């Protein structure tokens, strides 16, 4: 035990000769501050979150029986949702084209053009908000493909489109196919 005591004494005296109290306190303060920032570091939370976007619980896939309309309507990756911003009605009791019971579809919409992977054609999609009850809070998707500045409101998804309904309270968003998009002139 005496050897350990001598080794500890030599180590302590060596540290005391090479450092000052101020540098030791600065090093200790930096270590404490660094340790305090560990909870702020990003953490992969995929296992605890929803696989269908941000927020909400996982839902059973809602797949159309039509081969010309492929994909899971409860997933943000569904082809019609290329310009959607909001909660998916297909996760809230409705579908990609119908509102949940107790809500009213807004007559005012924004539009987008999405490509259907079944036939590789572009379709004009009307995004209608469903209004009237509190926000659904499930399957939040924010895809801004083709989004335009707010000076072009018909192509911007950042508005509350529940104007023109009995209640301006937003619930969820639908994606209704309006028609085939025209080819760009060459």
N, C-alpha and C. Protein backbone atom coordinates (compact mmCIF):
# COMPACT_ATOMS: atom_id res chain seq x y z
N UNK A 1 0.82 -1.18 0.00
CA UNK A 1 0.00 0.00 0.00
C UNK A 1 0.87 1.25 0.00
N UNK A 2 2.04 1.17 0.59
CA UNK A 2 2.94 2.32 0.65
C UNK A 2 3.37 2.71 -0.77
N UNK A 3 3.56 1.72 -1.65
CA UNK A 3 3.95 2.02 -3.04
C UNK A 3 2.86 2.80 -3.77
N UNK A 4 1.62 2.42 -3.52
CA UNK A 4 0.50 3.13 -4.14
C UNK A 4 0.45 4.56 -3.64
N UNK A 5 0.68 4.76 -2.32
CA UNK A 5 0.66 6.11 -1.75
C UNK A 5 1.76 6.97 -2.37
N UNK A 6 2.97 6.40 -2.52
CA UNK A 6 4.07 7.16 -3.11
C UNK A 6 3.76 7.51 -4.58
N UNK A 7 3.19 6.55 -5.30
CA UNK A 7 2.85 6.80 -6.71
C UNK A 7 1.81 7.91 -6.82
N UNK A 8 0.78 7.88 -5.98
CA UNK A 8 -0.26 8.89 -5.97
C UNK A 8 0.32 10.25 -5.61
N UNK A 9 1.22 10.29 -4.62
CA UNK A 9 1.84 11.56 -4.22
C UNK A 9 2.66 12.14 -5.37
N UNK A 10 3.45 11.28 -6.04
CA UNK A 10 4.27 11.75 -7.16
C UNK A 10 3.39 12.28 -8.29
N UNK A 11 2.32 11.56 -8.59
CA UNK A 11 1.40 11.99 -9.64
C UNK A 11 0.76 13.32 -9.30
N UNK A 12 0.30 13.49 -8.07
CA UNK A 12 -0.34 14.72 -7.64
C UNK A 12 0.63 15.89 -7.69
N UNK A 13 1.87 15.69 -7.22
CA UNK A 13 2.87 16.76 -7.24
C UNK A 13 3.25 17.13 -8.67
N UNK A 14 3.32 16.13 -9.53
CA UNK A 14 3.64 16.41 -10.94
C UNK A 14 2.54 17.23 -11.62
N UNK A 15 1.30 16.88 -11.36
CA UNK A 15 0.18 17.65 -11.91
C UNK A 15 0.20 19.06 -11.34
N UNK A 16 0.49 19.21 -10.05
CA UNK A 16 0.52 20.52 -9.41
C UNK A 16 1.64 21.39 -10.00
N UNK A 17 2.80 20.79 -10.35
CA UNK A 17 3.89 21.55 -10.95
C UNK A 17 3.56 22.02 -12.36
N UNK A 18 2.82 21.19 -13.13
CA UNK A 18 2.55 21.51 -14.54
C UNK A 18 1.30 22.33 -14.77
N UNK A 19 0.41 22.41 -13.83
CA UNK A 19 -0.85 23.14 -14.04
C UNK A 19 -1.09 24.15 -12.93
N UNK A 20 -1.97 25.09 -13.22
CA UNK A 20 -2.38 26.07 -12.21
C UNK A 20 -3.80 25.74 -11.77
N UNK A 21 -4.21 26.38 -10.69
CA UNK A 21 -5.58 26.17 -10.21
C UNK A 21 -6.59 26.67 -11.24
N UNK A 22 -6.25 27.81 -11.86
CA UNK A 22 -7.18 28.37 -12.85
C UNK A 22 -7.37 27.43 -14.04
N UNK A 23 -6.28 26.86 -14.54
CA UNK A 23 -6.43 25.96 -15.69
C UNK A 23 -7.18 24.69 -15.30
N UNK A 24 -6.97 24.23 -14.07
CA UNK A 24 -7.70 23.05 -13.60
C UNK A 24 -9.19 23.36 -13.50
N UNK A 25 -9.53 24.53 -12.94
CA UNK A 25 -10.93 24.92 -12.83
C UNK A 25 -11.55 25.12 -14.22
N UNK A 26 -10.78 25.70 -15.15
CA UNK A 26 -11.28 25.88 -16.51
C UNK A 26 -11.53 24.53 -17.17
N UNK A 27 -10.62 23.58 -17.01
CA UNK A 27 -10.80 22.25 -17.58
C UNK A 27 -12.01 21.56 -16.97
N UNK A 28 -12.15 21.66 -15.65
CA UNK A 28 -13.28 21.06 -14.95
C UNK A 28 -14.61 21.69 -15.40
N UNK A 29 -14.63 23.02 -15.54
CA UNK A 29 -15.84 23.71 -16.01
C UNK A 29 -16.22 23.29 -17.42
N UNK A 30 -15.22 23.14 -18.30
CA UNK A 30 -15.49 22.69 -19.67
C UNK A 30 -16.04 21.28 -19.68
N UNK A 31 -15.51 20.41 -18.83
CA UNK A 31 -15.99 19.03 -18.76
C UNK A 31 -17.44 18.99 -18.28
N UNK A 32 -17.76 19.79 -17.28
CA UNK A 32 -19.14 19.82 -16.75
C UNK A 32 -20.09 20.37 -17.81
N UNK A 33 -19.68 21.44 -18.51
CA UNK A 33 -20.53 22.02 -19.56
C UNK A 33 -20.72 21.02 -20.69
N UNK A 34 -19.66 20.34 -21.08
CA UNK A 34 -19.76 19.33 -22.14
C UNK A 34 -20.69 18.20 -21.75
N UNK A 35 -20.62 17.78 -20.50
CA UNK A 35 -21.49 16.70 -20.03
C UNK A 35 -22.95 17.15 -20.00
N UNK A 36 -23.17 18.45 -19.75
CA UNK A 36 -24.55 18.95 -19.70
C UNK A 36 -25.18 19.02 -21.08
N UNK A 37 -24.36 19.07 -22.15
CA UNK A 37 -24.92 19.15 -23.50
C UNK A 37 -25.24 17.79 -24.09
N UNK A 38 -24.87 16.72 -23.45
CA UNK A 38 -25.13 15.38 -23.99
C UNK A 38 -26.63 15.13 -24.21
N UNK A 39 -27.54 15.53 -23.32
CA UNK A 39 -28.96 15.29 -23.60
C UNK A 39 -29.50 16.07 -24.80
N UNK A 40 -28.80 17.07 -25.28
CA UNK A 40 -29.27 17.89 -26.39
C UNK A 40 -28.88 17.29 -27.74
N UNK A 41 -27.98 16.34 -27.75
CA UNK A 41 -27.52 15.74 -29.00
C UNK A 41 -28.65 15.01 -29.70
N UNK A 42 -28.62 14.98 -31.05
CA UNK A 42 -29.69 14.29 -31.77
C UNK A 42 -29.67 12.79 -31.50
N UNK A 43 -30.88 12.23 -31.45
CA UNK A 43 -31.03 10.81 -31.18
C UNK A 43 -31.96 10.23 -32.24
N UNK A 44 -31.65 9.08 -32.77
CA UNK A 44 -32.53 8.43 -33.73
C UNK A 44 -33.75 7.91 -32.98
N UNK A 45 -34.90 8.44 -33.30
CA UNK A 45 -36.12 8.07 -32.61
C UNK A 45 -37.07 7.30 -33.52
N UNK A 46 -36.57 6.71 -34.57
CA UNK A 46 -37.42 6.02 -35.54
C UNK A 46 -38.21 4.87 -34.91
N UNK A 47 -37.63 4.19 -33.95
CA UNK A 47 -38.31 3.06 -33.35
C UNK A 47 -39.51 3.49 -32.52
N UNK A 48 -39.46 4.72 -31.95
CA UNK A 48 -40.56 5.15 -31.11
C UNK A 48 -41.57 6.03 -31.84
N UNK A 49 -41.22 6.51 -33.04
CA UNK A 49 -42.12 7.40 -33.77
C UNK A 49 -43.00 6.64 -34.73
N UNK A 50 -43.72 7.41 -35.52
CA UNK A 50 -44.62 6.82 -36.51
C UNK A 50 -43.89 6.55 -37.80
N UNK A 51 -44.10 5.41 -38.41
CA UNK A 51 -43.46 5.15 -39.69
C UNK A 51 -44.12 5.91 -40.83
N UNK A 52 -45.20 6.60 -40.56
CA UNK A 52 -45.96 7.29 -41.61
C UNK A 52 -45.84 8.80 -41.46
N UNK A 53 -44.66 9.32 -41.25
CA UNK A 53 -44.51 10.76 -41.14
C UNK A 53 -44.30 11.15 -39.70
N UNK A 54 -44.58 12.40 -39.40
CA UNK A 54 -44.32 12.94 -38.09
C UNK A 54 -45.59 12.89 -37.26
N UNK A 55 -45.50 12.35 -36.07
CA UNK A 55 -46.63 12.33 -35.15
C UNK A 55 -47.65 11.26 -35.47
N UNK A 56 -48.40 10.91 -34.48
CA UNK A 56 -49.46 9.94 -34.68
C UNK A 56 -49.00 8.52 -34.55
N UNK A 57 -49.94 7.65 -34.46
CA UNK A 57 -49.64 6.23 -34.31
C UNK A 57 -49.59 5.57 -35.68
N UNK A 58 -49.03 4.40 -35.72
CA UNK A 58 -48.97 3.65 -36.98
C UNK A 58 -50.37 3.17 -37.34
N UNK A 59 -50.65 3.16 -38.62
CA UNK A 59 -51.96 2.74 -39.10
C UNK A 59 -51.78 1.58 -40.07
N UNK A 60 -52.81 0.78 -40.16
CA UNK A 60 -52.79 -0.30 -41.15
C UNK A 60 -52.78 0.32 -42.54
N UNK A 61 -52.01 -0.22 -43.45
CA UNK A 61 -51.96 0.35 -44.80
C UNK A 61 -53.35 0.40 -45.43
N UNK A 62 -53.64 1.50 -46.09
CA UNK A 62 -54.90 1.67 -46.80
C UNK A 62 -54.56 1.70 -48.29
N UNK A 63 -54.67 0.54 -48.93
CA UNK A 63 -54.26 0.38 -50.32
C UNK A 63 -55.50 0.28 -51.20
N UNK A 64 -55.46 1.02 -52.30
CA UNK A 64 -56.57 1.00 -53.26
C UNK A 64 -56.59 -0.34 -53.99
N UNK A 65 -57.77 -0.82 -54.34
CA UNK A 65 -57.89 -2.06 -55.11
C UNK A 65 -57.63 -1.81 -56.59
N UNK A 66 -57.54 -0.55 -56.97
CA UNK A 66 -57.32 -0.18 -58.36
C UNK A 66 -55.82 -0.22 -58.67
N UNK A 67 -55.38 -1.04 -59.65
CA UNK A 67 -53.95 -1.09 -59.98
C UNK A 67 -53.43 0.22 -60.59
N UNK A 68 -54.35 1.07 -61.06
CA UNK A 68 -53.93 2.37 -61.60
C UNK A 68 -53.73 3.41 -60.50
N UNK A 69 -53.98 3.04 -59.25
CA UNK A 69 -53.81 3.95 -58.11
C UNK A 69 -52.98 3.24 -57.05
N UNK A 70 -51.68 2.98 -57.33
CA UNK A 70 -50.86 2.18 -56.41
C UNK A 70 -50.39 2.97 -55.20
N UNK A 71 -50.14 2.26 -54.13
CA UNK A 71 -49.53 2.86 -52.95
C UNK A 71 -50.40 2.80 -51.72
N UNK A 72 -49.77 3.12 -50.60
CA UNK A 72 -50.41 3.14 -49.28
C UNK A 72 -50.89 4.56 -48.99
N UNK A 73 -52.19 4.75 -48.90
CA UNK A 73 -52.76 6.08 -48.69
C UNK A 73 -52.51 6.63 -47.30
N UNK A 74 -51.95 5.84 -46.38
CA UNK A 74 -51.61 6.34 -45.04
C UNK A 74 -50.13 6.68 -44.93
N UNK A 75 -49.41 6.64 -46.04
CA UNK A 75 -47.98 6.94 -46.04
C UNK A 75 -47.71 8.26 -46.77
N UNK A 76 -46.78 9.05 -46.26
CA UNK A 76 -46.41 10.30 -46.92
C UNK A 76 -45.82 10.06 -48.30
N UNK A 77 -45.36 8.83 -48.57
CA UNK A 77 -44.77 8.51 -49.86
C UNK A 77 -45.79 8.16 -50.94
N UNK A 78 -47.07 8.17 -50.60
CA UNK A 78 -48.12 7.88 -51.58
C UNK A 78 -48.03 8.92 -52.70
N UNK A 79 -48.19 8.51 -53.93
CA UNK A 79 -47.89 9.36 -55.07
C UNK A 79 -48.74 10.63 -55.13
N UNK A 80 -49.98 10.59 -54.67
CA UNK A 80 -50.84 11.78 -54.73
C UNK A 80 -50.42 12.88 -53.75
N UNK A 81 -49.59 12.53 -52.76
CA UNK A 81 -49.24 13.47 -51.71
C UNK A 81 -47.98 14.28 -52.01
N UNK A 82 -47.64 14.49 -53.29
CA UNK A 82 -46.38 15.16 -53.63
C UNK A 82 -46.34 16.62 -53.21
N UNK A 83 -47.47 17.26 -52.97
CA UNK A 83 -47.48 18.67 -52.57
C UNK A 83 -48.36 18.90 -51.34
N UNK A 84 -48.56 17.88 -50.54
CA UNK A 84 -49.45 17.99 -49.38
C UNK A 84 -48.72 18.60 -48.19
N UNK A 85 -49.48 19.27 -47.36
CA UNK A 85 -48.97 19.82 -46.10
C UNK A 85 -50.10 19.72 -45.09
N UNK A 86 -50.03 18.74 -44.22
CA UNK A 86 -51.05 18.58 -43.20
C UNK A 86 -51.22 17.14 -42.79
N UNK A 87 -52.23 16.89 -42.00
CA UNK A 87 -52.54 15.54 -41.54
C UNK A 87 -53.31 14.82 -42.63
N UNK A 88 -53.00 13.54 -42.84
CA UNK A 88 -53.66 12.76 -43.89
C UNK A 88 -55.04 12.32 -43.42
N UNK A 89 -56.05 12.61 -44.22
CA UNK A 89 -57.42 12.18 -43.86
C UNK A 89 -57.54 10.66 -43.84
N UNK A 90 -56.69 9.97 -44.59
CA UNK A 90 -56.73 8.51 -44.60
C UNK A 90 -56.31 7.92 -43.26
N UNK A 91 -55.65 8.70 -42.40
CA UNK A 91 -55.30 8.26 -41.05
C UNK A 91 -56.31 8.76 -40.02
N UNK A 92 -57.25 9.58 -40.45
CA UNK A 92 -58.16 10.24 -39.51
C UNK A 92 -59.62 9.81 -39.68
N UNK A 93 -59.87 8.72 -40.40
CA UNK A 93 -61.23 8.24 -40.57
C UNK A 93 -61.80 8.48 -41.94
N UNK A 94 -61.07 9.18 -42.81
CA UNK A 94 -61.52 9.41 -44.18
C UNK A 94 -60.65 8.60 -45.13
N UNK A 95 -60.45 9.14 -46.32
CA UNK A 95 -59.57 8.50 -47.30
C UNK A 95 -58.78 9.59 -48.01
N UNK A 96 -58.07 9.22 -49.05
CA UNK A 96 -57.30 10.22 -49.80
C UNK A 96 -58.21 11.21 -50.50
N UNK A 97 -59.48 10.85 -50.70
CA UNK A 97 -60.39 11.75 -51.41
C UNK A 97 -61.68 12.08 -50.64
N UNK A 98 -61.83 11.59 -49.43
CA UNK A 98 -63.02 11.90 -48.63
C UNK A 98 -62.64 12.36 -47.24
N UNK A 99 -63.47 13.23 -46.70
CA UNK A 99 -63.24 13.74 -45.35
C UNK A 99 -63.77 12.76 -44.30
N UNK A 100 -63.23 12.80 -43.10
CA UNK A 100 -63.76 11.96 -42.02
C UNK A 100 -65.17 12.43 -41.64
N UNK A 101 -65.97 11.55 -41.05
CA UNK A 101 -67.31 11.94 -40.59
C UNK A 101 -67.23 13.11 -39.61
N UNK A 102 -68.17 14.03 -39.73
CA UNK A 102 -68.23 15.18 -38.83
C UNK A 102 -67.41 16.37 -39.31
N UNK A 103 -66.75 16.25 -40.46
CA UNK A 103 -65.99 17.36 -41.01
C UNK A 103 -66.58 17.77 -42.34
N UNK A 104 -66.21 18.94 -42.80
CA UNK A 104 -66.72 19.49 -44.06
C UNK A 104 -65.53 19.82 -44.96
N UNK A 105 -65.62 19.45 -46.24
CA UNK A 105 -64.54 19.73 -47.19
C UNK A 105 -64.58 21.19 -47.61
N UNK A 106 -63.44 21.82 -47.56
CA UNK A 106 -63.34 23.21 -47.97
C UNK A 106 -63.47 23.33 -49.48
N UNK A 107 -64.24 24.31 -49.96
CA UNK A 107 -64.36 24.51 -51.40
C UNK A 107 -63.13 25.22 -51.99
N UNK A 108 -62.30 25.79 -51.15
CA UNK A 108 -61.10 26.50 -51.59
C UNK A 108 -59.92 25.55 -51.44
N UNK A 109 -59.10 25.41 -52.49
CA UNK A 109 -58.04 24.41 -52.48
C UNK A 109 -56.73 24.97 -53.00
N UNK A 110 -55.68 24.19 -52.81
CA UNK A 110 -54.43 24.43 -53.53
C UNK A 110 -54.23 23.22 -54.43
N UNK A 111 -53.42 23.39 -55.45
CA UNK A 111 -53.25 22.31 -56.42
C UNK A 111 -51.78 21.95 -56.56
N UNK A 112 -51.56 20.75 -57.05
CA UNK A 112 -50.22 20.26 -57.34
C UNK A 112 -50.29 19.33 -58.53
N UNK A 113 -49.15 19.01 -59.09
CA UNK A 113 -49.08 18.07 -60.20
C UNK A 113 -48.17 16.94 -59.79
N UNK A 114 -48.71 15.72 -59.71
CA UNK A 114 -47.97 14.56 -59.25
C UNK A 114 -47.94 13.49 -60.34
N UNK A 115 -46.86 12.73 -60.38
CA UNK A 115 -46.71 11.66 -61.37
C UNK A 115 -47.14 10.33 -60.78
N UNK A 116 -48.07 9.66 -61.46
CA UNK A 116 -48.55 8.35 -61.04
C UNK A 116 -47.54 7.30 -61.51
N UNK A 117 -46.98 6.50 -60.60
CA UNK A 117 -45.99 5.50 -61.00
C UNK A 117 -46.59 4.36 -61.83
N UNK A 118 -47.90 4.20 -61.82
CA UNK A 118 -48.52 3.11 -62.59
C UNK A 118 -48.46 3.37 -64.09
N UNK A 119 -48.62 4.64 -64.50
CA UNK A 119 -48.61 4.95 -65.93
C UNK A 119 -47.63 6.06 -66.30
N UNK A 120 -46.88 6.56 -65.33
CA UNK A 120 -45.89 7.63 -65.54
C UNK A 120 -46.48 8.88 -66.18
N UNK A 121 -47.73 9.17 -65.87
CA UNK A 121 -48.38 10.38 -66.36
C UNK A 121 -48.55 11.34 -65.19
N UNK A 122 -48.53 12.63 -65.51
CA UNK A 122 -48.73 13.66 -64.50
C UNK A 122 -50.22 13.95 -64.35
N UNK A 123 -50.66 14.07 -63.11
CA UNK A 123 -52.06 14.36 -62.81
C UNK A 123 -52.16 15.61 -61.96
N UNK A 124 -53.20 16.40 -62.21
CA UNK A 124 -53.48 17.57 -61.39
C UNK A 124 -54.22 17.08 -60.15
N UNK A 125 -53.68 17.42 -58.98
CA UNK A 125 -54.25 16.99 -57.71
C UNK A 125 -54.77 18.22 -56.97
N UNK A 126 -56.01 18.16 -56.51
CA UNK A 126 -56.60 19.21 -55.70
C UNK A 126 -56.49 18.80 -54.23
N UNK A 127 -55.84 19.62 -53.44
CA UNK A 127 -55.69 19.35 -52.01
C UNK A 127 -56.74 20.16 -51.26
N UNK A 128 -57.73 19.45 -50.74
CA UNK A 128 -58.81 20.08 -49.99
C UNK A 128 -58.61 19.81 -48.51
N UNK A 129 -58.76 20.85 -47.69
CA UNK A 129 -58.73 20.65 -46.25
C UNK A 129 -60.12 20.25 -45.77
N UNK A 130 -60.15 19.39 -44.78
CA UNK A 130 -61.41 19.03 -44.11
C UNK A 130 -61.46 19.81 -42.82
N UNK A 131 -62.58 20.45 -42.57
CA UNK A 131 -62.69 21.41 -41.48
C UNK A 131 -63.89 21.11 -40.60
N UNK A 132 -63.86 21.64 -39.40
CA UNK A 132 -65.02 21.54 -38.53
C UNK A 132 -64.76 20.95 -37.17
N UNK A 133 -63.80 20.06 -37.04
CA UNK A 133 -63.46 19.51 -35.72
C UNK A 133 -61.98 19.78 -35.48
N UNK A 134 -61.53 19.54 -34.29
CA UNK A 134 -60.14 19.84 -33.95
C UNK A 134 -59.18 19.02 -34.80
N UNK A 135 -57.95 19.47 -34.85
CA UNK A 135 -56.93 18.85 -35.69
C UNK A 135 -56.78 17.36 -35.38
N UNK A 136 -56.65 16.58 -36.43
CA UNK A 136 -56.57 15.12 -36.31
C UNK A 136 -55.32 14.71 -35.54
N UNK A 137 -54.18 15.29 -35.87
CA UNK A 137 -52.95 15.01 -35.15
C UNK A 137 -52.26 13.71 -35.51
N UNK A 138 -52.65 13.08 -36.61
CA UNK A 138 -52.03 11.80 -37.00
C UNK A 138 -51.55 11.88 -38.44
N UNK A 139 -50.40 11.27 -38.70
CA UNK A 139 -49.82 11.18 -40.05
C UNK A 139 -49.58 12.55 -40.66
N UNK A 140 -48.79 13.37 -40.01
CA UNK A 140 -48.44 14.68 -40.55
C UNK A 140 -47.45 14.52 -41.70
N UNK A 141 -47.77 15.10 -42.84
CA UNK A 141 -46.89 15.09 -44.00
C UNK A 141 -46.68 16.52 -44.46
N UNK A 142 -45.45 16.84 -44.81
CA UNK A 142 -45.14 18.17 -45.34
C UNK A 142 -44.21 17.98 -46.53
N UNK A 143 -44.81 17.77 -47.68
CA UNK A 143 -44.05 17.61 -48.92
C UNK A 143 -44.31 18.84 -49.78
N UNK A 144 -43.27 19.49 -50.18
CA UNK A 144 -43.40 20.78 -50.85
C UNK A 144 -42.94 20.74 -52.30
N UNK A 145 -43.11 19.62 -52.98
CA UNK A 145 -42.72 19.54 -54.39
C UNK A 145 -43.62 20.46 -55.21
N UNK A 146 -43.04 21.41 -55.89
CA UNK A 146 -43.81 22.34 -56.72
C UNK A 146 -44.47 23.45 -55.93
N UNK A 147 -44.16 23.59 -54.66
CA UNK A 147 -44.75 24.64 -53.84
C UNK A 147 -44.28 26.00 -54.37
N UNK A 148 -45.18 26.96 -54.40
CA UNK A 148 -44.87 28.30 -54.89
C UNK A 148 -44.94 29.29 -53.73
N UNK A 149 -44.37 30.49 -53.92
CA UNK A 149 -44.44 31.50 -52.86
C UNK A 149 -45.88 31.88 -52.54
N UNK A 150 -46.07 32.52 -51.41
CA UNK A 150 -47.43 32.85 -50.98
C UNK A 150 -48.10 33.89 -51.86
N UNK A 151 -47.34 34.53 -52.76
CA UNK A 151 -47.97 35.46 -53.70
C UNK A 151 -48.76 34.71 -54.77
N UNK A 152 -48.55 33.39 -54.88
CA UNK A 152 -49.34 32.52 -55.76
C UNK A 152 -50.09 31.53 -54.88
N UNK A 153 -51.14 31.96 -54.21
CA UNK A 153 -51.78 31.12 -53.20
C UNK A 153 -52.38 29.82 -53.72
N UNK A 154 -52.78 29.77 -54.98
CA UNK A 154 -53.39 28.54 -55.50
C UNK A 154 -52.39 27.39 -55.55
N UNK A 155 -51.10 27.69 -55.50
CA UNK A 155 -50.07 26.64 -55.54
C UNK A 155 -49.24 26.63 -54.27
N UNK A 156 -49.76 27.19 -53.19
CA UNK A 156 -49.02 27.25 -51.94
C UNK A 156 -49.79 26.49 -50.87
N UNK A 157 -49.09 25.65 -50.10
CA UNK A 157 -49.76 24.81 -49.12
C UNK A 157 -49.66 25.32 -47.69
N UNK A 158 -49.22 26.57 -47.49
CA UNK A 158 -49.02 27.07 -46.14
C UNK A 158 -50.19 27.87 -45.57
N UNK A 159 -51.30 27.90 -46.24
CA UNK A 159 -52.47 28.63 -45.76
C UNK A 159 -53.41 27.70 -45.01
N UNK A 160 -54.30 28.29 -44.20
CA UNK A 160 -55.44 27.55 -43.67
C UNK A 160 -56.55 27.69 -44.69
N UNK A 161 -56.83 26.62 -45.41
CA UNK A 161 -57.77 26.66 -46.51
C UNK A 161 -59.21 26.42 -46.05
N UNK A 162 -59.50 26.52 -44.77
CA UNK A 162 -60.85 26.27 -44.25
C UNK A 162 -61.76 27.48 -44.37
N UNK A 163 -61.40 28.44 -45.16
CA UNK A 163 -62.29 29.58 -45.40
C UNK A 163 -63.41 29.10 -46.31
N UNK A 164 -64.60 29.55 -46.09
CA UNK A 164 -65.72 29.12 -46.90
C UNK A 164 -66.45 27.92 -46.33
N UNK A 165 -66.10 27.49 -45.14
CA UNK A 165 -66.81 26.40 -44.48
C UNK A 165 -67.47 26.95 -43.21
N UNK A 166 -68.30 26.14 -42.59
CA UNK A 166 -68.98 26.58 -41.36
C UNK A 166 -67.99 26.91 -40.25
N UNK A 167 -66.90 26.14 -40.18
CA UNK A 167 -65.89 26.33 -39.14
C UNK A 167 -64.52 26.45 -39.80
N UNK A 168 -63.69 27.33 -39.29
CA UNK A 168 -62.34 27.48 -39.85
C UNK A 168 -61.32 26.63 -39.11
N UNK A 169 -61.79 25.65 -38.33
CA UNK A 169 -60.89 24.76 -37.59
C UNK A 169 -60.44 23.64 -38.53
N UNK A 170 -59.13 23.52 -38.70
CA UNK A 170 -58.54 22.52 -39.60
C UNK A 170 -58.51 21.14 -38.95
N UNK A 171 -58.84 20.09 -39.74
CA UNK A 171 -58.77 18.71 -39.26
C UNK A 171 -57.73 17.91 -40.02
N UNK A 172 -57.85 17.80 -41.35
CA UNK A 172 -56.92 17.00 -42.15
C UNK A 172 -57.01 17.44 -43.61
N UNK A 173 -56.20 16.81 -44.48
CA UNK A 173 -56.16 17.18 -45.90
C UNK A 173 -56.38 15.96 -46.79
N UNK A 174 -57.10 16.19 -47.91
CA UNK A 174 -57.35 15.15 -48.91
C UNK A 174 -56.52 15.45 -50.16
N UNK A 175 -56.44 14.49 -51.07
CA UNK A 175 -55.73 14.65 -52.34
C UNK A 175 -56.60 14.04 -53.44
N UNK A 176 -57.34 14.89 -54.13
CA UNK A 176 -58.32 14.44 -55.12
C UNK A 176 -57.77 14.64 -56.53
N UNK A 177 -57.85 13.61 -57.35
CA UNK A 177 -57.39 13.71 -58.73
C UNK A 177 -58.41 14.53 -59.52
N UNK A 178 -57.94 15.62 -60.13
CA UNK A 178 -58.81 16.49 -60.93
C UNK A 178 -58.78 16.06 -62.39
N UNK A 179 -57.62 15.69 -62.89
CA UNK A 179 -57.50 15.28 -64.28
C UNK A 179 -56.05 15.08 -64.66
N UNK A 180 -55.85 14.72 -65.92
CA UNK A 180 -54.50 14.52 -66.44
C UNK A 180 -53.91 15.88 -66.76
N UNK A 181 -52.66 16.09 -66.37
CA UNK A 181 -51.99 17.36 -66.66
C UNK A 181 -51.58 17.39 -68.13
N UNK A 182 -51.62 18.58 -68.70
CA UNK A 182 -51.21 18.74 -70.10
C UNK A 182 -49.70 18.66 -70.19
N UNK A 183 -49.22 18.11 -71.29
CA UNK A 183 -47.78 18.07 -71.52
C UNK A 183 -47.26 19.47 -71.77
N UNK A 184 -46.03 19.73 -71.31
CA UNK A 184 -45.41 21.03 -71.54
C UNK A 184 -45.07 21.18 -73.02
N UNK A 185 -45.37 22.36 -73.61
CA UNK A 185 -44.99 22.57 -75.01
C UNK A 185 -43.47 22.59 -75.15
N UNK A 186 -42.99 22.05 -76.24
CA UNK A 186 -41.53 21.98 -76.41
C UNK A 186 -41.01 23.07 -77.30
